[in-house]
């Protein structure tokens, strides 16, 4: 199909998506980016956020907490630490992620990175509206 490319989203628990899409919006650690047909090859780490994939039949959105995305010729592969379809995310789930990030931050040697992890989780909650 013209103007599309292969998209795969995988977490340790399951494969969440495998489809032909026209674009993927990725919450990159260094900023958001949108992969479209013909995008230059890139590998980026993910920050907690909303990953959106647009296909000719509609769009899908997923909450991700981290991982990696590889944009290659004709494909985007996302290996997420945790990924959940946005329709399945609950306020309790987000609260648990925030609590986990805060617990890890308490004993962290790199306080700035730990505080950023907590702030990213709080931003994810705000983006979801939970």
Protein backbone atom coordinates (compact mmCIF):
# COMPACT_ATOMS: atom_id res chain seq x y z
CA UNK A 1 0.00 0.00 0.00
CA UNK A 2 1.51 3.37 -1.03
CA UNK A 3 2.36 5.79 1.74
CA UNK A 4 2.52 3.15 4.48
CA UNK A 5 5.17 1.13 6.27
CA UNK A 6 5.34 -1.75 8.72
CA UNK A 7 4.83 -0.94 12.41
CA UNK A 8 5.43 -3.33 15.29
CA UNK A 9 4.96 -2.59 19.00
CA UNK A 10 6.17 -5.21 21.44
CA UNK A 11 6.38 -5.28 25.24
CA UNK A 12 7.79 -8.09 27.39
CA UNK A 13 4.24 -9.34 27.96
CA UNK A 14 2.92 -9.36 24.40
CA UNK A 15 2.89 -8.02 20.85
CA UNK A 16 0.49 -5.09 20.91
CA UNK A 17 0.55 -4.08 17.26
CA UNK A 18 1.71 -5.28 13.88
CA UNK A 19 0.21 -3.27 11.04
CA UNK A 20 0.74 -1.13 7.98
CA UNK A 21 0.58 2.51 9.09
CA UNK A 22 1.01 5.94 7.55
CA UNK A 23 2.72 7.54 10.57
CA UNK A 24 3.85 6.82 14.13
CA UNK A 25 4.18 9.56 16.76
CA UNK A 26 6.90 8.53 19.20
CA UNK A 27 7.62 10.01 22.65
CA UNK A 28 11.40 10.10 22.30
CA UNK A 29 13.68 10.75 25.25
CA UNK A 30 15.08 13.81 23.47
CA UNK A 31 11.70 14.99 22.20
CA UNK A 32 8.69 13.76 20.30
CA UNK A 33 9.11 12.68 16.71
CA UNK A 34 6.85 11.46 13.94
CA UNK A 35 7.98 8.66 11.64
CA UNK A 36 6.49 8.72 8.14
CA UNK A 37 7.34 6.90 4.91
CA UNK A 38 10.86 7.76 3.83
CA UNK A 39 12.02 8.83 7.32
CA UNK A 40 15.77 8.67 7.87
CA UNK A 41 16.97 5.69 9.91
CA UNK A 42 17.00 6.50 13.64
CA UNK A 43 17.20 4.64 16.92
CA UNK A 44 15.89 6.48 19.96
CA UNK A 45 15.08 5.73 23.55
CA UNK A 46 11.53 6.34 24.72
CA UNK A 47 10.28 8.38 27.63
CA UNK A 48 6.93 7.74 29.28
CA UNK A 49 4.23 9.09 27.00
CA UNK A 50 1.61 8.37 24.37
CA UNK A 51 2.64 6.54 21.21
CA UNK A 52 0.16 6.97 18.35
CA UNK A 53 0.00 4.97 15.13
CA UNK A 54 -2.17 6.17 12.24
CA UNK A 55 -3.35 3.59 9.74
CA UNK A 56 -5.69 3.94 6.77
CA UNK A 57 -8.39 2.25 8.88
CA UNK A 58 -7.96 4.50 11.93
CA UNK A 59 -5.56 5.46 14.70
CA UNK A 60 -4.40 3.55 17.75
CA UNK A 61 -2.82 5.01 20.89
CA UNK A 62 -0.71 3.32 23.55
CA UNK A 63 0.74 4.44 26.87
CA UNK A 64 4.44 3.52 27.01
CA UNK A 65 6.82 3.89 29.93
CA UNK A 66 10.16 3.56 28.16
CA UNK A 67 12.11 1.38 25.78
CA UNK A 68 13.50 1.87 22.28
CA UNK A 69 12.22 2.72 18.83
CA UNK A 70 14.00 1.86 15.61
CA UNK A 71 13.01 3.68 12.45
CA UNK A 72 14.42 1.86 9.43
CA UNK A 73 13.75 1.81 5.71
CA UNK A 74 10.14 0.72 5.43
CA UNK A 75 9.48 -0.04 9.10
CA UNK A 76 9.21 1.19 12.68
CA UNK A 77 9.78 -1.23 15.53
CA UNK A 78 9.10 -0.22 19.13
CA UNK A 79 10.37 -2.35 22.00
CA UNK A 80 8.61 -0.92 25.05
CA UNK A 81 9.40 -1.57 28.71
CA UNK A 82 5.66 -1.40 29.32
CA UNK A 83 2.94 -0.65 26.80
CA UNK A 84 -0.82 -0.65 27.22
CA UNK A 85 -3.52 0.34 24.74
CA UNK A 86 -4.76 3.75 25.88
CA UNK A 87 -8.31 2.37 26.09
CA UNK A 88 -7.15 -0.08 28.80
CA UNK A 89 -5.26 2.42 31.00
CA UNK A 90 -6.84 3.11 34.37
CA UNK A 91 -6.08 5.86 36.92
CA UNK A 92 -4.99 3.14 39.37
CA UNK A 93 -2.49 1.78 36.83
CA UNK A 94 -0.95 5.22 36.38
CA UNK A 95 -0.87 5.80 40.15
CA UNK A 96 1.02 2.50 40.55
CA UNK A 97 3.58 3.56 37.92
CA UNK A 98 4.08 6.89 39.68
CA UNK A 99 4.49 5.14 43.05
CA UNK A 100 7.06 2.76 41.54
CA UNK A 101 9.02 5.69 40.06
CA UNK A 102 8.96 7.53 43.40
CA UNK A 103 10.15 4.42 45.25
CA UNK A 104 13.05 4.00 42.84
CA UNK A 105 13.88 7.70 43.13
CA UNK A 106 14.29 7.52 46.91
CA UNK A 107 17.34 5.27 46.74
CA UNK A 108 18.77 6.52 43.45
CA UNK A 109 22.35 7.75 43.24
CA UNK A 110 21.51 9.96 40.25
CA UNK A 111 18.90 12.20 41.82
CA UNK A 112 18.31 14.29 38.67
CA UNK A 113 17.54 11.23 36.55
CA UNK A 114 15.29 9.84 39.28
CA UNK A 115 13.38 13.11 39.60
CA UNK A 116 12.99 13.23 35.81
CA UNK A 117 11.55 9.70 35.82
CA UNK A 118 8.93 10.76 38.36
CA UNK A 119 8.18 13.94 36.39
CA UNK A 120 7.80 11.89 33.18
CA UNK A 121 5.26 9.61 34.88
CA UNK A 122 3.32 12.62 36.16
CA UNK A 123 3.34 14.05 32.63
CA UNK A 124 2.03 10.72 31.31
CA UNK A 125 -0.85 10.91 33.80
CA UNK A 126 -1.63 14.45 32.62
CA UNK A 127 -1.48 13.42 28.93
CA UNK A 128 -3.91 10.60 29.56
CA UNK A 129 -6.17 12.77 31.65
CA UNK A 130 -6.16 10.32 34.56
